[in-house]
């Protein structure tokens, strides 16, 4: 039986081209969420970003913890009494002069290990195996140290640090608590992760 249908080749080419274009566009649109899933999340992007810490309500003798790069950063408003005891524990410390320069920026290599004496800013991670030390601010004997002058005690393996985050001699921790880069934005805010004059870490 003869086929009387007339094939419109121009129309066929148009429909083929249109279908290809629409199909290609569909594939491209479908790929966008897939490709976007490879990008770091907003949380991941901000994890390395500097953190603005409001220190205006931290009372004398109090510690507040902020998170930066997934790490706890202790900010302590030290009292005059706490500052006055720092020199009295030097003989009991492993690195009293903070000679291990990897543990703090140059501007924090001083007797207070800080930019302003009353404000201590340290990463709250024990330098032994990475536990988070507890804060014992009172100048009184403790079960773990009858001559305690305030500071940090790691409950995991009993490492101790003074009120400047300096490690005691004879404990498992090998080094002082690290001081992150930071600077004062004003009297009530610090920016953690940024040097005073260089920019982000």
N, C-alpha and C. Protein backbone atom coordinates (compact mmCIF):
# COMPACT_ATOMS: atom_id res chain seq x y z
N UNK A 1 0.85 -1.19 0.00
CA UNK A 1 0.00 0.00 0.00
C UNK A 1 0.88 1.24 0.00
N UNK A 2 0.57 2.11 -0.86
CA UNK A 2 1.39 3.30 -1.04
C UNK A 2 1.18 4.26 0.14
N UNK A 3 2.29 4.92 0.53
CA UNK A 3 2.23 5.91 1.62
C UNK A 3 2.06 7.27 1.00
N UNK A 4 0.88 7.86 1.26
CA UNK A 4 0.58 9.15 0.64
C UNK A 4 1.04 10.33 1.49
N UNK A 5 1.54 10.05 2.72
CA UNK A 5 1.94 11.17 3.59
C UNK A 5 3.14 11.89 3.02
N UNK A 6 3.11 13.17 3.12
CA UNK A 6 4.21 14.01 2.64
C UNK A 6 5.05 14.42 3.86
N UNK A 7 6.33 14.12 3.84
CA UNK A 7 7.22 14.45 4.95
C UNK A 7 7.71 15.88 4.80
N UNK A 8 7.46 16.69 5.86
CA UNK A 8 7.94 18.08 5.86
C UNK A 8 9.28 18.09 6.59
N UNK A 9 10.38 18.00 5.81
CA UNK A 9 11.72 17.90 6.39
C UNK A 9 12.12 19.16 7.18
N UNK A 10 11.67 20.30 6.74
CA UNK A 10 11.97 21.55 7.45
C UNK A 10 11.34 21.56 8.83
N UNK A 11 10.08 21.10 8.89
CA UNK A 11 9.39 21.07 10.17
C UNK A 11 10.06 20.05 11.09
N UNK A 12 10.45 18.91 10.54
CA UNK A 12 11.10 17.88 11.34
C UNK A 12 12.41 18.42 11.94
N UNK A 13 13.19 19.15 11.14
CA UNK A 13 14.44 19.71 11.66
C UNK A 13 14.16 20.73 12.76
N UNK A 14 13.12 21.54 12.59
CA UNK A 14 12.75 22.53 13.59
C UNK A 14 12.37 21.86 14.91
N UNK A 15 11.51 20.82 14.82
CA UNK A 15 11.08 20.11 16.03
C UNK A 15 12.26 19.41 16.71
N UNK A 16 13.16 18.83 15.92
CA UNK A 16 14.33 18.16 16.49
C UNK A 16 15.22 19.17 17.22
N UNK A 17 15.47 20.30 16.58
CA UNK A 17 16.32 21.33 17.18
C UNK A 17 15.68 21.89 18.46
N UNK A 18 14.35 22.16 18.39
CA UNK A 18 13.65 22.71 19.54
C UNK A 18 13.69 21.72 20.71
N UNK A 19 13.44 20.45 20.42
CA UNK A 19 13.48 19.43 21.47
C UNK A 19 14.87 19.34 22.09
N UNK A 20 15.90 19.42 21.27
CA UNK A 20 17.27 19.36 21.78
C UNK A 20 17.58 20.54 22.69
N UNK A 21 17.15 21.73 22.26
CA UNK A 21 17.41 22.93 23.06
C UNK A 21 16.69 22.86 24.40
N UNK A 22 15.39 22.49 24.35
CA UNK A 22 14.61 22.40 25.59
C UNK A 22 15.17 21.31 26.50
N UNK A 23 15.55 20.19 25.92
CA UNK A 23 16.15 19.11 26.72
C UNK A 23 17.46 19.52 27.34
N UNK A 24 18.30 20.23 26.58
CA UNK A 24 19.59 20.71 27.09
C UNK A 24 19.39 21.70 28.22
N UNK A 25 18.42 22.60 28.05
CA UNK A 25 18.13 23.57 29.10
C UNK A 25 17.65 22.87 30.37
N UNK A 26 16.82 21.84 30.20
CA UNK A 26 16.33 21.07 31.35
C UNK A 26 17.46 20.39 32.10
N UNK A 27 18.40 19.81 31.34
CA UNK A 27 19.55 19.16 31.97
C UNK A 27 20.38 20.18 32.73
N UNK A 28 20.59 21.36 32.11
CA UNK A 28 21.38 22.42 32.75
C UNK A 28 20.71 22.89 34.05
N UNK A 29 19.38 23.10 34.01
CA UNK A 29 18.66 23.54 35.20
C UNK A 29 18.69 22.47 36.29
N UNK A 30 18.58 21.21 35.88
CA UNK A 30 18.62 20.13 36.86
C UNK A 30 20.00 20.01 37.50
N UNK A 31 21.04 20.40 36.77
CA UNK A 31 22.40 20.27 37.29
C UNK A 31 22.75 21.36 38.30
N UNK A 32 22.05 22.49 38.25
CA UNK A 32 22.39 23.62 39.13
C UNK A 32 22.37 23.22 40.62
N UNK A 33 21.28 22.59 41.13
CA UNK A 33 21.33 22.21 42.55
C UNK A 33 22.44 21.22 42.85
N UNK A 34 22.73 20.34 41.91
CA UNK A 34 23.79 19.35 42.11
C UNK A 34 25.15 20.03 42.24
N UNK A 35 25.43 20.98 41.35
CA UNK A 35 26.71 21.71 41.39
C UNK A 35 26.76 22.58 42.64
N UNK A 36 25.62 23.21 42.99
CA UNK A 36 25.58 24.06 44.18
C UNK A 36 25.89 23.27 45.44
N UNK A 37 25.53 21.97 45.42
CA UNK A 37 25.78 21.15 46.60
C UNK A 37 27.27 20.95 46.86
N UNK A 38 28.11 21.19 45.85
CA UNK A 38 29.55 21.07 46.03
C UNK A 38 30.15 22.27 46.73
N UNK A 39 29.45 23.40 46.70
CA UNK A 39 29.97 24.61 47.30
C UNK A 39 29.89 24.51 48.83
N UNK A 40 30.82 25.16 49.55
CA UNK A 40 30.74 25.13 51.01
C UNK A 40 29.48 25.86 51.49
N UNK A 41 28.88 25.37 52.55
CA UNK A 41 27.69 25.99 53.11
C UNK A 41 28.04 27.35 53.72
N UNK A 42 27.01 28.13 53.99
CA UNK A 42 27.23 29.42 54.64
C UNK A 42 27.86 29.22 56.01
N UNK A 43 27.46 28.14 56.68
CA UNK A 43 28.05 27.85 57.99
C UNK A 43 29.53 27.54 57.86
N UNK A 44 29.87 26.75 56.81
CA UNK A 44 31.28 26.41 56.61
C UNK A 44 32.08 27.66 56.24
N UNK A 45 31.49 28.53 55.42
CA UNK A 45 32.20 29.76 55.04
C UNK A 45 32.47 30.62 56.26
N UNK A 46 31.47 30.70 57.15
CA UNK A 46 31.63 31.57 58.31
C UNK A 46 32.50 30.95 59.39
N UNK A 47 32.75 29.62 59.30
CA UNK A 47 33.53 28.94 60.33
C UNK A 47 34.94 29.50 60.44
N UNK A 48 35.51 29.95 59.33
CA UNK A 48 36.85 30.50 59.36
C UNK A 48 36.88 32.01 59.46
N UNK A 49 35.70 32.62 59.48
CA UNK A 49 35.63 34.08 59.51
C UNK A 49 35.92 34.61 60.91
N UNK A 50 36.40 35.84 61.00
CA UNK A 50 36.59 36.46 62.31
C UNK A 50 35.27 36.54 63.08
N UNK A 51 35.35 36.54 64.40
CA UNK A 51 34.16 36.59 65.24
C UNK A 51 34.21 37.85 66.10
N UNK A 52 33.15 38.62 66.03
CA UNK A 52 33.04 39.83 66.86
C UNK A 52 32.45 39.42 68.21
N UNK A 53 33.21 39.62 69.26
CA UNK A 53 32.79 39.21 70.60
C UNK A 53 32.45 40.43 71.44
N UNK A 54 31.24 40.43 71.98
CA UNK A 54 30.80 41.51 72.87
C UNK A 54 31.27 41.18 74.28
N UNK A 55 32.19 41.97 74.80
CA UNK A 55 32.75 41.71 76.13
C UNK A 55 32.24 42.72 77.15
N UNK A 56 31.31 43.55 76.76
CA UNK A 56 30.84 44.64 77.61
C UNK A 56 30.17 44.19 78.90
N UNK A 57 29.59 42.98 78.91
CA UNK A 57 28.86 42.52 80.09
C UNK A 57 29.62 41.45 80.88
N UNK A 58 30.88 41.21 80.52
CA UNK A 58 31.67 40.23 81.26
C UNK A 58 32.18 40.89 82.54
N UNK A 59 31.75 40.37 83.67
CA UNK A 59 32.11 40.98 84.95
C UNK A 59 33.54 40.60 85.36
N UNK A 60 34.11 41.38 86.26
CA UNK A 60 35.46 41.11 86.75
C UNK A 60 35.51 39.71 87.37
N UNK A 61 36.49 38.94 86.95
CA UNK A 61 36.65 37.57 87.44
C UNK A 61 35.86 36.54 86.67
N UNK A 62 35.10 36.98 85.66
CA UNK A 62 34.24 36.07 84.91
C UNK A 62 34.88 35.65 83.58
N UNK A 63 34.55 34.44 83.12
CA UNK A 63 34.97 33.92 81.82
C UNK A 63 33.74 33.71 80.95
N UNK A 64 33.85 34.10 79.69
CA UNK A 64 32.81 33.81 78.70
C UNK A 64 33.48 33.12 77.52
N UNK A 65 32.79 32.14 76.96
CA UNK A 65 33.35 31.37 75.85
C UNK A 65 32.67 31.76 74.55
N UNK A 66 33.48 32.03 73.52
CA UNK A 66 32.99 32.31 72.18
C UNK A 66 33.51 31.20 71.25
N UNK A 67 32.82 30.99 70.13
CA UNK A 67 33.27 29.97 69.19
C UNK A 67 33.91 30.63 67.97
N UNK A 68 35.09 30.16 67.62
CA UNK A 68 35.80 30.65 66.44
C UNK A 68 36.48 29.47 65.76
N UNK A 69 36.20 29.28 64.47
CA UNK A 69 36.74 28.15 63.71
C UNK A 69 36.43 26.81 64.37
N UNK A 70 35.28 26.73 65.01
CA UNK A 70 34.87 25.50 65.67
C UNK A 70 35.56 25.25 66.99
N UNK A 71 36.33 26.22 67.48
CA UNK A 71 37.08 26.07 68.73
C UNK A 71 36.51 27.01 69.80
N UNK A 72 36.54 26.59 71.06
CA UNK A 72 36.14 27.52 72.13
C UNK A 72 37.26 28.52 72.38
N UNK A 73 36.89 29.77 72.48
CA UNK A 73 37.84 30.83 72.84
C UNK A 73 37.37 31.43 74.15
N UNK A 74 38.22 31.32 75.17
CA UNK A 74 37.91 31.87 76.49
C UNK A 74 38.30 33.34 76.53
N UNK A 75 37.37 34.17 76.98
CA UNK A 75 37.67 35.58 77.24
C UNK A 75 37.42 35.81 78.73
N UNK A 76 38.47 36.19 79.45
CA UNK A 76 38.39 36.35 80.90
C UNK A 76 38.68 37.80 81.27
N UNK A 77 37.81 38.36 82.08
CA UNK A 77 38.03 39.69 82.64
C UNK A 77 38.71 39.50 84.00
N UNK A 78 40.04 39.59 84.01
CA UNK A 78 40.79 39.30 85.23
C UNK A 78 40.73 40.45 86.24
N UNK A 79 40.64 40.06 87.49
CA UNK A 79 40.63 41.05 88.57
C UNK A 79 42.07 41.48 88.87
N UNK A 80 42.20 42.55 89.62
CA UNK A 80 43.53 43.00 90.03
C UNK A 80 44.22 41.93 90.88
N UNK A 81 43.46 41.29 91.77
CA UNK A 81 44.03 40.24 92.61
C UNK A 81 44.56 39.08 91.77
N UNK A 82 43.83 38.72 90.73
CA UNK A 82 44.28 37.64 89.85
C UNK A 82 45.54 38.03 89.10
N UNK A 83 45.60 39.27 88.65
CA UNK A 83 46.80 39.75 87.95
C UNK A 83 48.00 39.81 88.89
N UNK A 84 47.75 40.21 90.12
CA UNK A 84 48.85 40.34 91.08
C UNK A 84 49.49 39.00 91.44
N UNK A 85 48.77 37.89 91.25
CA UNK A 85 49.33 36.58 91.61
C UNK A 85 50.19 35.98 90.50
N UNK A 86 50.16 36.54 89.29
CA UNK A 86 50.84 35.91 88.16
C UNK A 86 52.33 35.68 88.42
N UNK A 87 53.02 36.68 88.91
CA UNK A 87 54.47 36.54 89.14
C UNK A 87 54.77 35.51 90.22
N UNK A 88 53.85 35.31 91.14
CA UNK A 88 54.11 34.40 92.27
C UNK A 88 54.13 32.93 91.87
N UNK A 89 53.62 32.61 90.68
CA UNK A 89 53.60 31.19 90.25
C UNK A 89 54.66 30.90 89.19
N UNK A 90 55.45 31.89 88.81
CA UNK A 90 56.45 31.69 87.74
C UNK A 90 57.34 30.47 87.96
N UNK A 91 57.78 30.26 89.19
CA UNK A 91 58.72 29.17 89.48
C UNK A 91 58.08 27.80 89.29
N UNK A 92 56.77 27.74 89.24
CA UNK A 92 56.06 26.46 89.10
C UNK A 92 55.64 26.17 87.67
N UNK A 93 56.00 27.06 86.74
CA UNK A 93 55.52 26.94 85.36
C UNK A 93 56.58 26.39 84.42
N UNK A 94 56.13 25.74 83.37
CA UNK A 94 57.04 25.17 82.37
C UNK A 94 57.62 26.25 81.46
N UNK A 95 56.81 27.23 81.08
CA UNK A 95 57.23 28.29 80.16
C UNK A 95 56.72 29.63 80.67
N UNK A 96 57.26 30.11 81.81
CA UNK A 96 56.72 31.32 82.43
C UNK A 96 56.87 32.58 81.59
N UNK A 97 57.90 32.64 80.74
CA UNK A 97 58.12 33.84 79.92
C UNK A 97 57.50 33.71 78.53
N UNK A 98 56.72 32.66 78.32
CA UNK A 98 56.06 32.42 77.02
C UNK A 98 57.06 32.44 75.88
N UNK A 99 58.16 31.72 76.06
CA UNK A 99 59.20 31.67 75.03
C UNK A 99 58.80 30.85 73.81
N UNK A 100 57.83 29.96 73.97
CA UNK A 100 57.32 29.21 72.83
C UNK A 100 56.45 30.16 72.01
N UNK A 101 57.05 30.79 71.02
CA UNK A 101 56.36 31.87 70.28
C UNK A 101 55.21 31.36 69.43
N UNK A 102 55.11 30.04 69.22
CA UNK A 102 53.99 29.51 68.44
C UNK A 102 52.69 29.59 69.24
N UNK A 103 52.77 29.83 70.54
CA UNK A 103 51.58 29.82 71.38
C UNK A 103 50.89 31.17 71.49
N UNK A 104 51.51 32.24 70.99
CA UNK A 104 50.85 33.54 71.04
C UNK A 104 51.49 34.50 70.04
N UNK A 105 50.71 35.47 69.56
CA UNK A 105 51.30 36.52 68.70
C UNK A 105 52.29 37.35 69.50
N UNK A 106 53.16 38.06 68.82
CA UNK A 106 54.17 38.87 69.49
C UNK A 106 53.57 39.89 70.45
N UNK A 107 52.40 40.45 70.09
CA UNK A 107 51.81 41.48 70.94
C UNK A 107 51.21 40.88 72.23
N UNK A 108 51.18 39.56 72.34
CA UNK A 108 50.71 38.93 73.57
C UNK A 108 51.84 38.20 74.29
N UNK A 109 53.07 38.46 73.88
CA UNK A 109 54.22 37.84 74.56
C UNK A 109 54.70 38.80 75.64
N UNK A 110 53.96 38.82 76.73
CA UNK A 110 54.29 39.66 77.87
C UNK A 110 53.81 38.96 79.14
N UNK A 111 53.99 39.56 80.27
CA UNK A 111 53.66 38.86 81.52
C UNK A 111 52.18 38.53 81.65
N UNK A 112 51.33 39.27 80.94
CA UNK A 112 49.90 39.02 81.01
C UNK A 112 49.39 38.15 79.86
N UNK A 113 50.23 38.00 78.81
CA UNK A 113 49.87 37.29 77.58
C UNK A 113 48.60 37.89 76.96
N UNK A 114 48.57 39.22 76.92
CA UNK A 114 47.38 39.89 76.41
C UNK A 114 47.71 41.31 75.94
N UNK A 115 46.78 41.89 75.22
CA UNK A 115 46.94 43.28 74.77
C UNK A 115 46.67 44.23 75.93
N UNK A 116 45.57 43.99 76.64
CA UNK A 116 45.24 44.77 77.83
C UNK A 116 45.33 43.81 79.02
N UNK A 117 46.03 44.21 80.10
CA UNK A 117 46.28 43.28 81.20
C UNK A 117 45.04 42.56 81.73
N UNK A 118 43.93 43.28 81.87
CA UNK A 118 42.76 42.64 82.49
C UNK A 118 42.07 41.62 81.59
N UNK A 119 42.30 41.69 80.28
CA UNK A 119 41.58 40.81 79.35
C UNK A 119 42.48 39.69 78.84
N UNK A 120 42.14 38.46 79.22
CA UNK A 120 42.83 37.28 78.70
C UNK A 120 41.97 36.68 77.59
N UNK A 121 42.60 36.39 76.45
CA UNK A 121 41.92 35.74 75.33
C UNK A 121 42.77 34.52 74.94
N UNK A 122 42.24 33.32 75.18
CA UNK A 122 42.98 32.10 74.87
C UNK A 122 42.05 31.08 74.22
N UNK A 123 42.63 30.21 73.42
CA UNK A 123 41.87 29.09 72.87
C UNK A 123 41.69 28.07 73.99
N UNK A 124 40.46 27.70 74.26
CA UNK A 124 40.15 26.82 75.38
C UNK A 124 40.32 25.35 75.07
N UNK A 125 41.50 24.99 74.58
CA UNK A 125 41.81 23.60 74.25
C UNK A 125 43.11 23.22 74.94
N UNK A 126 43.07 22.19 75.76
CA UNK A 126 44.27 21.73 76.45
C UNK A 126 45.31 21.30 75.43
N UNK A 127 46.54 21.68 75.64
CA UNK A 127 47.60 21.38 74.66
C UNK A 127 48.11 19.94 74.80
N UNK A 128 47.50 19.16 75.66
CA UNK A 128 47.87 17.75 75.78
C UNK A 128 47.13 16.93 74.72
N UNK A 129 45.83 16.70 74.94
CA UNK A 129 45.06 15.88 73.98
C UNK A 129 43.76 16.55 73.54
N UNK A 130 43.66 17.85 73.74
CA UNK A 130 42.54 18.58 73.17
C UNK A 130 41.25 18.64 73.98
N UNK A 131 41.31 18.32 75.26
CA UNK A 131 40.12 18.48 76.12
C UNK A 131 39.90 19.97 76.39
N UNK A 132 38.73 20.29 76.91
CA UNK A 132 38.42 21.68 77.27
C UNK A 132 38.61 21.85 78.77
N UNK A 133 39.57 22.67 79.19
CA UNK A 133 39.82 22.85 80.63
C UNK A 133 38.67 23.60 81.32
N UNK A 134 38.50 23.32 82.60
CA UNK A 134 37.53 24.04 83.42
C UNK A 134 38.20 25.28 84.01
N UNK A 135 37.39 26.28 84.31
CA UNK A 135 37.89 27.55 84.86
C UNK A 135 37.69 27.55 86.37
N UNK A 136 38.78 27.72 87.09
CA UNK A 136 38.75 27.84 88.55
C UNK A 136 39.38 29.18 88.92
N UNK A 137 38.57 30.24 88.99
CA UNK A 137 39.12 31.60 89.16
C UNK A 137 39.51 31.97 90.58
N UNK A 138 39.01 31.25 91.56
CA UNK A 138 39.23 31.69 92.94
C UNK A 138 40.64 31.39 93.42
N UNK A 139 41.17 32.30 94.22
CA UNK A 139 42.52 32.17 94.77
C UNK A 139 42.43 31.42 96.09
N UNK A 140 42.23 30.12 95.99
CA UNK A 140 42.07 29.31 97.18
C UNK A 140 42.54 27.89 96.90
N UNK A 141 42.90 27.14 97.91
CA UNK A 141 43.33 25.76 97.68
C UNK A 141 42.25 24.95 96.99
N UNK A 142 42.67 24.10 96.06
CA UNK A 142 41.76 23.19 95.37
C UNK A 142 42.25 21.76 95.59
N UNK A 143 41.39 20.75 95.45
CA UNK A 143 41.83 19.37 95.63
C UNK A 143 43.00 18.99 94.74
N UNK A 144 43.08 19.60 93.55
CA UNK A 144 44.16 19.27 92.62
C UNK A 144 45.41 20.12 92.83
N UNK A 145 45.33 21.16 93.69
CA UNK A 145 46.48 22.02 93.95
C UNK A 145 46.23 22.84 95.22
N UNK A 146 46.89 22.50 96.32
CA UNK A 146 46.67 23.24 97.57
C UNK A 146 47.20 24.67 97.53
N UNK A 147 48.03 25.00 96.52
CA UNK A 147 48.56 26.37 96.40
C UNK A 147 47.93 27.11 95.22
N UNK A 148 46.74 26.75 94.86
CA UNK A 148 46.08 27.28 93.66
C UNK A 148 45.90 28.78 93.71
N UNK A 149 46.27 29.45 92.59
CA UNK A 149 46.15 30.90 92.48
C UNK A 149 45.21 31.31 91.34
N UNK A 150 44.30 30.43 91.00
CA UNK A 150 43.36 30.71 89.92
C UNK A 150 43.91 30.27 88.57
N UNK A 151 43.00 29.88 87.69
CA UNK A 151 43.40 29.46 86.35
C UNK A 151 42.52 28.38 85.79
N UNK A 152 43.12 27.46 85.04
CA UNK A 152 42.37 26.44 84.32
C UNK A 152 42.89 25.05 84.68
N UNK A 153 41.95 24.12 84.84
CA UNK A 153 42.29 22.74 85.20
C UNK A 153 41.62 21.82 84.19
N UNK A 154 42.41 20.94 83.58
CA UNK A 154 41.86 20.01 82.60
C UNK A 154 41.45 18.72 83.32
N UNK A 155 40.18 18.38 83.30
CA UNK A 155 39.72 17.20 84.03
C UNK A 155 40.14 15.88 83.38
N UNK A 156 40.54 15.91 82.12
CA UNK A 156 40.88 14.67 81.41
C UNK A 156 42.15 14.03 81.96
N UNK A 157 43.24 14.83 82.05
CA UNK A 157 44.52 14.27 82.49
C UNK A 157 45.24 15.16 83.49
N UNK A 158 44.47 16.07 84.11
CA UNK A 158 44.94 16.87 85.24
C UNK A 158 46.02 17.91 84.92
N UNK A 159 46.04 18.40 83.70
CA UNK A 159 46.94 19.51 83.38
C UNK A 159 46.38 20.80 83.98
N UNK A 160 47.28 21.71 84.34
CA UNK A 160 46.87 22.95 84.98
C UNK A 160 47.52 24.14 84.27
N UNK A 161 46.80 25.25 84.24
CA UNK A 161 47.27 26.50 83.63
C UNK A 161 46.93 27.65 84.58
N UNK A 162 47.79 28.65 84.63
CA UNK A 162 47.53 29.78 85.52
C UNK A 162 46.57 30.77 84.87
N UNK A 163 46.40 31.93 85.50
CA UNK A 163 45.45 32.93 85.00
C UNK A 163 45.91 33.64 83.73
N UNK A 164 47.10 33.29 83.23
CA UNK A 164 47.55 33.78 81.93
C UNK A 164 47.57 32.65 80.91
N UNK A 165 47.02 31.50 81.29
CA UNK A 165 47.02 30.35 80.39
C UNK A 165 48.38 29.69 80.25
N UNK A 166 49.28 29.93 81.21
CA UNK A 166 50.61 29.33 81.18
C UNK A 166 50.58 27.97 81.88
N UNK A 167 51.18 26.98 81.28
CA UNK A 167 51.10 25.61 81.79
C UNK A 167 52.04 25.39 82.97
N UNK A 168 51.57 24.62 83.94
CA UNK A 168 52.39 24.25 85.08
C UNK A 168 53.40 23.19 84.67
N UNK A 169 54.49 23.14 85.37
CA UNK A 169 55.50 22.11 85.15
C UNK A 169 55.00 20.80 85.76
N UNK A 170 55.42 19.67 85.18
CA UNK A 170 55.09 18.37 85.74
C UNK A 170 53.70 17.87 85.43
N UNK A 171 53.04 18.46 84.43
CA UNK A 171 51.72 17.97 83.99
C UNK A 171 51.83 17.46 82.56
N UNK A 172 50.86 16.69 82.08
CA UNK A 172 50.97 16.14 80.72
C UNK A 172 51.01 17.19 79.60
N UNK A 173 50.32 18.32 79.78
CA UNK A 173 50.28 19.33 78.71
C UNK A 173 51.67 19.89 78.46
N UNK A 174 52.11 19.96 77.19
CA UNK A 174 53.47 20.39 76.89
C UNK A 174 53.65 21.89 76.70
N UNK A 175 52.55 22.63 76.55
CA UNK A 175 52.69 24.05 76.20
C UNK A 175 51.56 24.87 76.79
N UNK A 176 51.78 26.18 76.81
CA UNK A 176 50.75 27.12 77.27
C UNK A 176 49.52 27.06 76.37
N UNK A 177 48.38 27.51 76.89
CA UNK A 177 47.20 27.64 76.05
C UNK A 177 47.51 28.66 74.94
N UNK A 178 47.03 28.37 73.75
CA UNK A 178 47.30 29.26 72.61
C UNK A 178 46.48 30.54 72.72
N UNK A 179 47.09 31.64 72.30
CA UNK A 179 46.40 32.92 72.20
C UNK A 179 46.09 33.15 70.72
N UNK A 180 44.81 33.25 70.36
CA UNK A 180 44.49 33.49 68.95
C UNK A 180 44.77 34.94 68.57
N UNK A 181 44.83 35.21 67.29
CA UNK A 181 44.94 36.60 66.85
C UNK A 181 43.64 37.32 67.22
N UNK A 182 43.77 38.53 67.71
CA UNK A 182 42.58 39.31 68.07
C UNK A 182 42.96 40.76 68.21
N UNK A 183 41.97 41.62 68.20
CA UNK A 183 42.22 43.01 68.54
C UNK A 183 40.95 43.65 69.08
N UNK A 184 41.14 44.76 69.77
CA UNK A 184 40.01 45.49 70.34
C UNK A 184 39.44 46.43 69.28
N UNK A 185 38.15 46.24 69.00
CA UNK A 185 37.45 47.14 68.07
C UNK A 185 37.10 48.43 68.81
N UNK A 186 36.64 48.27 70.04
CA UNK A 186 36.37 49.40 70.94
C UNK A 186 36.44 48.85 72.37
N UNK A 187 35.96 49.61 73.34
CA UNK A 187 36.09 49.19 74.74
C UNK A 187 35.23 47.97 75.09
N UNK A 188 34.26 47.65 74.27
CA UNK A 188 33.35 46.56 74.61
C UNK A 188 33.31 45.44 73.56
N UNK A 189 34.18 45.51 72.56
CA UNK A 189 34.17 44.47 71.52
C UNK A 189 35.59 44.10 71.12
N UNK A 190 35.81 42.79 70.93
CA UNK A 190 37.05 42.33 70.33
C UNK A 190 36.72 41.54 69.07
N UNK A 191 37.62 41.55 68.12
CA UNK A 191 37.47 40.77 66.91
C UNK A 191 38.48 39.64 66.98
N UNK A 192 37.97 38.40 67.12
CA UNK A 192 38.81 37.22 67.23
C UNK A 192 39.14 36.72 65.83
N UNK A 193 40.43 36.51 65.58
CA UNK A 193 40.87 36.02 64.27
C UNK A 193 41.54 37.07 63.43
N UNK A 194 41.71 38.28 63.98
CA UNK A 194 42.30 39.38 63.22
C UNK A 194 43.37 40.07 64.10
N UNK A 195 44.57 40.21 63.55
CA UNK A 195 45.63 40.95 64.25
C UNK A 195 45.25 42.43 64.33
N UNK A 196 45.82 43.16 65.27
CA UNK A 196 45.54 44.59 65.34
C UNK A 196 45.88 45.35 64.08
N UNK A 197 46.91 44.90 63.33
CA UNK A 197 47.35 45.70 62.18
C UNK A 197 47.54 44.91 60.88
N UNK A 198 47.14 43.63 60.85
CA UNK A 198 47.45 42.84 59.66
C UNK A 198 46.25 42.28 58.93
N UNK A 199 45.14 42.08 59.59
CA UNK A 199 44.00 41.46 58.92
C UNK A 199 43.76 40.06 59.42
N UNK A 200 42.85 39.37 58.75
CA UNK A 200 42.38 38.06 59.22
C UNK A 200 43.48 37.02 59.22
N UNK A 201 43.34 36.06 60.12
CA UNK A 201 44.28 34.95 60.23
C UNK A 201 44.13 34.01 59.06
